[in-house]
């Protein structure tokens, strides 16, 4: 699995925001990609790339061909009924006491909580697809671990929030380690932040 944030003057990080992200999952042969102003997309038909090198087309024409063979990812923000079920996605290999406490607190608030796991950047992709509601990360990550996924989530209409500043996760910092964060639908991230974060942040750091 590849997330591709490249840190150089031509990189898709503008100032402190990820502007472009590409994630490929070889097992499912699926591409997720997003760019600022373009939106977020999922493409499963890898054969669309065949013949690109032999075609005399502009970059705009090639991009349009890719988009035409992709599904746009757009999170639904309209909530008309009380939420009594959420799906929390976490790491397979980096479970923490904070995550366990978060899941238990959510059970009290929502009634039914489904907890699933996925590897690496795929967690962001499942959020962008709407297959998971919340991705809380209470453990260490680096900027290159999250930039591509954040671009995809936010271009799909979601939010990746720094739990300390309560703002969008930022990049090109002097220290490239990320703070803890929560990714998901914007309204749900805000609800979770108000309801469950205070006790999580007061727990001893692991």
C-alpha atoms as a PDB file:
ATOM      1  CA  UNK A   1       0.000   0.000   0.000  1.00  0.00           C
ATOM      2  CA  UNK A   2       1.368   3.370  -0.951  1.00  0.00           C
ATOM      3  CA  UNK A   3       0.530   6.819   0.292  1.00  0.00           C
ATOM      4  CA  UNK A   4       2.375   9.454  -1.659  1.00  0.00           C
ATOM      5  CA  UNK A   5       3.017  12.773   0.062  1.00  0.00           C
ATOM      6  CA  UNK A   6       6.319  14.070  -1.365  1.00  0.00           C
ATOM      7  CA  UNK A   7       8.048  16.811   0.563  1.00  0.00           C
ATOM      8  CA  UNK A   8       9.933  19.084  -1.859  1.00  0.00           C
ATOM      9  CA  UNK A   9       9.198  22.388  -3.625  1.00  0.00           C
ATOM     10  CA  UNK A  10       7.045  20.595  -6.217  1.00  0.00           C
ATOM     11  CA  UNK A  11       5.260  18.461  -3.635  1.00  0.00           C
ATOM     12  CA  UNK A  12       1.505  18.284  -3.072  1.00  0.00           C
ATOM     13  CA  UNK A  13       1.934  20.025   0.308  1.00  0.00           C
ATOM     14  CA  UNK A  14       1.163  23.711  -0.023  1.00  0.00           C
ATOM     15  CA  UNK A  15       2.297  25.592   3.068  1.00  0.00           C
ATOM     16  CA  UNK A  16       0.769  23.337   5.729  1.00  0.00           C
ATOM     17  CA  UNK A  17      -2.007  21.535   3.820  1.00  0.00           C
ATOM     18  CA  UNK A  18      -1.971  18.337   1.728  1.00  0.00           C
ATOM     19  CA  UNK A  19      -3.241  19.289  -1.724  1.00  0.00           C
ATOM     20  CA  UNK A  20      -3.071  15.909  -3.444  1.00  0.00           C
ATOM     21  CA  UNK A  21      -3.098  12.278  -2.387  1.00  0.00           C
ATOM     22  CA  UNK A  22      -2.816   8.900  -4.098  1.00  0.00           C
ATOM     23  CA  UNK A  23      -3.179   5.565  -2.309  1.00  0.00           C
ATOM     24  CA  UNK A  24      -3.021   2.203  -4.067  1.00  0.00           C
ATOM     25  CA  UNK A  25      -4.071  -1.085  -2.451  1.00  0.00           C
ATOM     26  CA  UNK A  26      -2.457  -3.959  -4.386  1.00  0.00           C
ATOM     27  CA  UNK A  27      -4.585  -6.680  -2.792  1.00  0.00           C
ATOM     28  CA  UNK A  28      -7.773  -5.081  -4.117  1.00  0.00           C
ATOM     29  CA  UNK A  29      -6.067  -3.486  -7.128  1.00  0.00           C
ATOM     30  CA  UNK A  30      -7.764  -0.226  -6.189  1.00  0.00           C
ATOM     31  CA  UNK A  31      -6.617   3.366  -6.481  1.00  0.00           C
ATOM     32  CA  UNK A  32      -7.873   6.178  -4.264  1.00  0.00           C
ATOM     33  CA  UNK A  33      -6.910   9.673  -5.348  1.00  0.00           C
ATOM     34  CA  UNK A  34      -7.823  13.267  -4.611  1.00  0.00           C
ATOM     35  CA  UNK A  35      -6.698  16.778  -5.402  1.00  0.00           C
ATOM     36  CA  UNK A  36      -7.698  20.162  -4.085  1.00  0.00           C
ATOM     37  CA  UNK A  37     -10.639  21.443  -6.125  1.00  0.00           C
ATOM     38  CA  UNK A  38     -11.007  18.129  -7.968  1.00  0.00           C
ATOM     39  CA  UNK A  39     -12.592  15.968  -5.282  1.00  0.00           C
ATOM     40  CA  UNK A  40     -11.845  12.418  -4.139  1.00  0.00           C
ATOM     41  CA  UNK A  41     -12.229   9.287  -6.251  1.00  0.00           C
ATOM     42  CA  UNK A  42     -11.906   5.513  -6.190  1.00  0.00           C
ATOM     43  CA  UNK A  43     -10.824   3.597  -9.293  1.00  0.00           C
ATOM     44  CA  UNK A  44     -10.924  -0.197  -9.533  1.00  0.00           C
ATOM     45  CA  UNK A  45     -10.466  -0.598 -13.266  1.00  0.00           C
ATOM     46  CA  UNK A  46      -6.684  -0.621 -13.486  1.00  0.00           C
ATOM     47  CA  UNK A  47      -6.878  -1.501 -17.203  1.00  0.00           C
ATOM     48  CA  UNK A  48      -7.768   2.125 -17.884  1.00  0.00           C
ATOM     49  CA  UNK A  49      -4.027   2.853 -17.645  1.00  0.00           C
ATOM     50  CA  UNK A  50      -3.162   0.422 -20.419  1.00  0.00           C
ATOM     51  CA  UNK A  51      -2.145   2.175 -23.585  1.00  0.00           C
ATOM     52  CA  UNK A  52      -1.566   5.551 -21.912  1.00  0.00           C
ATOM     53  CA  UNK A  53       2.025   5.607 -23.112  1.00  0.00           C
ATOM     54  CA  UNK A  54       0.879   4.951 -26.664  1.00  0.00           C
ATOM     55  CA  UNK A  55      -1.840   7.577 -26.711  1.00  0.00           C
ATOM     56  CA  UNK A  56      -1.140  11.105 -27.812  1.00  0.00           C
ATOM     57  CA  UNK A  57      -3.325  12.982 -25.374  1.00  0.00           C
ATOM     58  CA  UNK A  58      -2.980  16.013 -23.135  1.00  0.00           C
ATOM     59  CA  UNK A  59      -2.723  15.677 -19.374  1.00  0.00           C
ATOM     60  CA  UNK A  60      -6.249  17.084 -19.105  1.00  0.00           C
ATOM     61  CA  UNK A  61      -7.614  14.393 -21.432  1.00  0.00           C
ATOM     62  CA  UNK A  62      -5.851  11.621 -19.532  1.00  0.00           C
ATOM     63  CA  UNK A  63      -7.128  12.939 -16.198  1.00  0.00           C
ATOM     64  CA  UNK A  64     -10.665  13.097 -17.564  1.00  0.00           C
ATOM     65  CA  UNK A  65     -10.375   9.494 -18.758  1.00  0.00           C
ATOM     66  CA  UNK A  66      -9.324   8.403 -15.282  1.00  0.00           C
ATOM     67  CA  UNK A  67     -12.167  10.340 -13.638  1.00  0.00           C
ATOM     68  CA  UNK A  68     -14.689   8.886 -16.094  1.00  0.00           C
ATOM     69  CA  UNK A  69     -13.610   5.408 -14.988  1.00  0.00           C
ATOM     70  CA  UNK A  70     -13.747   6.244 -11.281  1.00  0.00           C
ATOM     71  CA  UNK A  71     -16.358   6.633  -8.556  1.00  0.00           C
ATOM     72  CA  UNK A  72     -16.519   9.984  -6.793  1.00  0.00           C
ATOM     73  CA  UNK A  73     -16.337   9.797  -2.999  1.00  0.00           C
ATOM     74  CA  UNK A  74     -18.654  12.214  -1.232  1.00  0.00           C
ATOM     75  CA  UNK A  75     -19.569  11.840   2.418  1.00  0.00           C
ATOM     76  CA  UNK A  76     -23.210  12.487   3.265  1.00  0.00           C
ATOM     77  CA  UNK A  77     -23.494  15.173   5.945  1.00  0.00           C
ATOM     78  CA  UNK A  78     -27.288  15.303   6.169  1.00  0.00           C
ATOM     79  CA  UNK A  79     -28.377  13.635   9.406  1.00  0.00           C
ATOM     80  CA  UNK A  80     -32.157  13.343   9.665  1.00  0.00           C
ATOM     81  CA  UNK A  81     -32.370  10.681  12.380  1.00  0.00           C
ATOM     82  CA  UNK A  82     -30.617  10.139  15.710  1.00  0.00           C
ATOM     83  CA  UNK A  83     -27.428   8.123  15.305  1.00  0.00           C
ATOM     84  CA  UNK A  84     -27.553   4.893  17.317  1.00  0.00           C
ATOM     85  CA  UNK A  85     -24.735   3.044  15.590  1.00  0.00           C
ATOM     86  CA  UNK A  86     -21.214   4.008  14.556  1.00  0.00           C
ATOM     87  CA  UNK A  87     -18.285   2.146  13.040  1.00  0.00           C
ATOM     88  CA  UNK A  88     -14.881   2.953  14.525  1.00  0.00           C
ATOM     89  CA  UNK A  89     -11.819   1.935  12.559  1.00  0.00           C
ATOM     90  CA  UNK A  90      -8.455   1.492  14.219  1.00  0.00           C
ATOM     91  CA  UNK A  91      -4.990   0.103  13.718  1.00  0.00           C
ATOM     92  CA  UNK A  92      -4.283  -3.609  13.624  1.00  0.00           C
ATOM     93  CA  UNK A  93      -0.911  -3.236  15.287  1.00  0.00           C
ATOM     94  CA  UNK A  94      -1.062  -0.032  17.352  1.00  0.00           C
ATOM     95  CA  UNK A  95      -3.927  -0.480  19.810  1.00  0.00           C
ATOM     96  CA  UNK A  96      -3.687   1.754  22.860  1.00  0.00           C
ATOM     97  CA  UNK A  97      -5.497   2.171  26.164  1.00  0.00           C
ATOM     98  CA  UNK A  98      -6.824   5.471  24.822  1.00  0.00           C
ATOM     99  CA  UNK A  99      -8.413   3.721  21.841  1.00  0.00           C
ATOM    100  CA  UNK A 100      -9.987   1.084  24.103  1.00  0.00           C
ATOM    101  CA  UNK A 101     -11.395   3.816  26.360  1.00  0.00           C
ATOM    102  CA  UNK A 102     -12.668   5.718  23.322  1.00  0.00           C
ATOM    103  CA  UNK A 103     -14.537   2.656  22.027  1.00  0.00           C
ATOM    104  CA  UNK A 104     -16.079   1.944  25.431  1.00  0.00           C
ATOM    105  CA  UNK A 105     -17.191   5.563  25.843  1.00  0.00           C
ATOM    106  CA  UNK A 106     -18.745   5.477  22.370  1.00  0.00           C
ATOM    107  CA  UNK A 107     -20.726   2.358  23.317  1.00  0.00           C
ATOM    108  CA  UNK A 108     -22.324   4.292  26.158  1.00  0.00           C
ATOM    109  CA  UNK A 109     -23.192   7.190  23.882  1.00  0.00           C
ATOM    110  CA  UNK A 110     -24.316   5.425  20.722  1.00  0.00           C
ATOM    111  CA  UNK A 111     -25.617   2.100  21.962  1.00  0.00           C
ATOM    112  CA  UNK A 112     -24.092  -0.043  19.239  1.00  0.00           C
ATOM    113  CA  UNK A 113     -20.502   0.351  18.136  1.00  0.00           C
ATOM    114  CA  UNK A 114     -18.778  -1.741  15.509  1.00  0.00           C
ATOM    115  CA  UNK A 115     -15.013  -1.772  15.849  1.00  0.00           C
ATOM    116  CA  UNK A 116     -13.021  -2.763  12.765  1.00  0.00           C
ATOM    117  CA  UNK A 117      -9.350  -2.660  11.857  1.00  0.00           C
ATOM    118  CA  UNK A 118      -7.398  -2.003   8.698  1.00  0.00           C
ATOM    119  CA  UNK A 119      -3.810  -1.463   7.808  1.00  0.00           C
ATOM    120  CA  UNK A 120      -1.894   1.683   7.011  1.00  0.00           C
ATOM    121  CA  UNK A 121      -3.525   4.359   4.841  1.00  0.00           C
ATOM    122  CA  UNK A 122      -6.523   2.169   4.018  1.00  0.00           C
ATOM    123  CA  UNK A 123      -8.244   3.483   7.160  1.00  0.00           C
ATOM    124  CA  UNK A 124      -8.511   6.935   5.588  1.00  0.00           C
ATOM    125  CA  UNK A 125      -9.887   5.414   2.380  1.00  0.00           C
ATOM    126  CA  UNK A 126     -12.634   3.543   4.230  1.00  0.00           C
ATOM    127  CA  UNK A 127     -13.584   6.782   5.982  1.00  0.00           C
ATOM    128  CA  UNK A 128     -13.773   8.583   2.620  1.00  0.00           C
ATOM    129  CA  UNK A 129     -15.970   5.791   1.229  1.00  0.00           C
ATOM    130  CA  UNK A 130     -18.329   6.031   4.185  1.00  0.00           C
ATOM    131  CA  UNK A 131     -17.574   2.438   5.239  1.00  0.00           C
ATOM    132  CA  UNK A 132     -16.317   3.646   8.618  1.00  0.00           C
ATOM    133  CA  UNK A 133     -17.438   6.677  10.613  1.00  0.00           C
ATOM    134  CA  UNK A 134     -14.514   7.565  12.851  1.00  0.00           C
ATOM    135  CA  UNK A 135     -10.779   6.873  12.806  1.00  0.00           C
ATOM    136  CA  UNK A 136      -9.215   7.926  16.132  1.00  0.00           C
ATOM    137  CA  UNK A 137      -5.427   7.744  16.232  1.00  0.00           C
ATOM    138  CA  UNK A 138      -3.999   7.979  19.745  1.00  0.00           C
ATOM    139  CA  UNK A 139      -0.482   6.928  18.880  1.00  0.00           C
ATOM    140  CA  UNK A 140       2.572   8.051  16.907  1.00  0.00           C
ATOM    141  CA  UNK A 141       2.442   8.730  13.163  1.00  0.00           C
ATOM    142  CA  UNK A 142       4.612  10.808  10.865  1.00  0.00           C
ATOM    143  CA  UNK A 143       3.542  13.383   8.300  1.00  0.00           C
ATOM    144  CA  UNK A 144       4.265  11.017   5.405  1.00  0.00           C
ATOM    145  CA  UNK A 145       1.952   8.420   6.974  1.00  0.00           C
ATOM    146  CA  UNK A 146      -1.104  10.653   6.821  1.00  0.00           C
ATOM    147  CA  UNK A 147      -0.819  13.367   4.146  1.00  0.00           C
ATOM    148  CA  UNK A 148      -2.212  11.375   1.207  1.00  0.00           C
ATOM    149  CA  UNK A 149      -5.024   9.919   3.324  1.00  0.00           C
ATOM    150  CA  UNK A 150      -5.943  13.300   4.751  1.00  0.00           C
ATOM    151  CA  UNK A 151      -6.192  14.781   1.259  1.00  0.00           C
ATOM    152  CA  UNK A 152      -8.584  11.996   0.239  1.00  0.00           C
ATOM    153  CA  UNK A 153     -10.761  12.293   3.364  1.00  0.00           C
ATOM    154  CA  UNK A 154     -11.014  16.079   3.227  1.00  0.00           C
ATOM    155  CA  UNK A 155     -11.685  16.223  -0.515  1.00  0.00           C
ATOM    156  CA  UNK A 156     -14.510  13.724   0.094  1.00  0.00           C
ATOM    157  CA  UNK A 157     -15.969  16.199   2.598  1.00  0.00           C
ATOM    158  CA  UNK A 158     -14.535  14.755   5.792  1.00  0.00           C
ATOM    159  CA  UNK A 159     -12.233  16.183   8.440  1.00  0.00           C
ATOM    160  CA  UNK A 160      -8.921  15.184  10.037  1.00  0.00           C
ATOM    161  CA  UNK A 161      -8.647  17.013  13.348  1.00  0.00           C
ATOM    162  CA  UNK A 162      -5.629  17.562  15.574  1.00  0.00           C
ATOM    163  CA  UNK A 163      -7.022  16.660  19.015  1.00  0.00           C
ATOM    164  CA  UNK A 164      -4.919  19.330  20.736  1.00  0.00           C
ATOM    165  CA  UNK A 165      -5.473  22.389  18.524  1.00  0.00           C
ATOM    166  CA  UNK A 166      -8.951  21.224  17.384  1.00  0.00           C
ATOM    167  CA  UNK A 167      -7.940  22.314  13.888  1.00  0.00           C
ATOM    168  CA  UNK A 168      -7.123  20.440  10.713  1.00  0.00           C
ATOM    169  CA  UNK A 169      -3.917  18.391  10.900  1.00  0.00           C
ATOM    170  CA  UNK A 170      -1.014  20.524   9.609  1.00  0.00           C
ATOM    171  CA  UNK A 171       2.215  19.740   7.753  1.00  0.00           C
ATOM    172  CA  UNK A 172       5.744  20.987   7.088  1.00  0.00           C
ATOM    173  CA  UNK A 173       6.332  21.345  10.818  1.00  0.00           C
ATOM    174  CA  UNK A 174       9.820  21.452  12.306  1.00  0.00           C
ATOM    175  CA  UNK A 175       8.930  18.188  14.070  1.00  0.00           C
ATOM    176  CA  UNK A 176       7.474  15.794  11.471  1.00  0.00           C
ATOM    177  CA  UNK A 177       5.686  13.635  14.046  1.00  0.00           C
ATOM    178  CA  UNK A 178       1.920  14.138  14.028  1.00  0.00           C
ATOM    179  CA  UNK A 179      -0.130  14.889  17.128  1.00  0.00           C
ATOM    180  CA  UNK A 180      -3.006  12.548  17.919  1.00  0.00           C
ATOM    181  CA  UNK A 181      -5.909  13.026  15.530  1.00  0.00           C
ATOM    182  CA  UNK A 182      -9.441  11.963  14.665  1.00  0.00           C
ATOM    183  CA  UNK A 183     -10.679  11.516  11.092  1.00  0.00           C
ATOM    184  CA  UNK A 184     -14.284  11.172   9.959  1.00  0.00           C
ATOM    185  CA  UNK A 185     -17.367  13.084   8.912  1.00  0.00           C
ATOM    186  CA  UNK A 186     -16.970  16.668  10.044  1.00  0.00           C
ATOM    187  CA  UNK A 187     -20.104  16.780  12.237  1.00  0.00           C
ATOM    188  CA  UNK A 188     -19.292  13.446  13.856  1.00  0.00           C
ATOM    189  CA  UNK A 189     -15.679  14.457  14.558  1.00  0.00           C
ATOM    190  CA  UNK A 190     -16.945  17.574  16.324  1.00  0.00           C
ATOM    191  CA  UNK A 191     -19.473  15.558  18.341  1.00  0.00           C
ATOM    192  CA  UNK A 192     -16.832  13.042  19.378  1.00  0.00           C
ATOM    193  CA  UNK A 193     -14.416  15.831  20.286  1.00  0.00           C
ATOM    194  CA  UNK A 194     -16.914  17.412  22.654  1.00  0.00           C
ATOM    195  CA  UNK A 195     -18.193  14.178  24.190  1.00  0.00           C
ATOM    196  CA  UNK A 196     -15.248  11.811  24.512  1.00  0.00           C
ATOM    197  CA  UNK A 197     -11.917  13.578  24.101  1.00  0.00           C
ATOM    198  CA  UNK A 198     -11.559  15.255  27.522  1.00  0.00           C
ATOM    199  CA  UNK A 199     -11.217  11.969  29.416  1.00  0.00           C
ATOM    200  CA  UNK A 200      -8.981  10.494  26.700  1.00  0.00           C
ATOM    201  CA  UNK A 201      -6.549  13.398  26.796  1.00  0.00           C
ATOM    202  CA  UNK A 202      -6.307  13.136  30.596  1.00  0.00           C
ATOM    203  CA  UNK A 203      -5.149   9.525  30.433  1.00  0.00           C
ATOM    204  CA  UNK A 204      -1.417   8.783  30.941  1.00  0.00           C
ATOM    205  CA  UNK A 205       0.562   8.785  27.702  1.00  0.00           C
ATOM    206  CA  UNK A 206       1.665   5.314  26.640  1.00  0.00           C
END
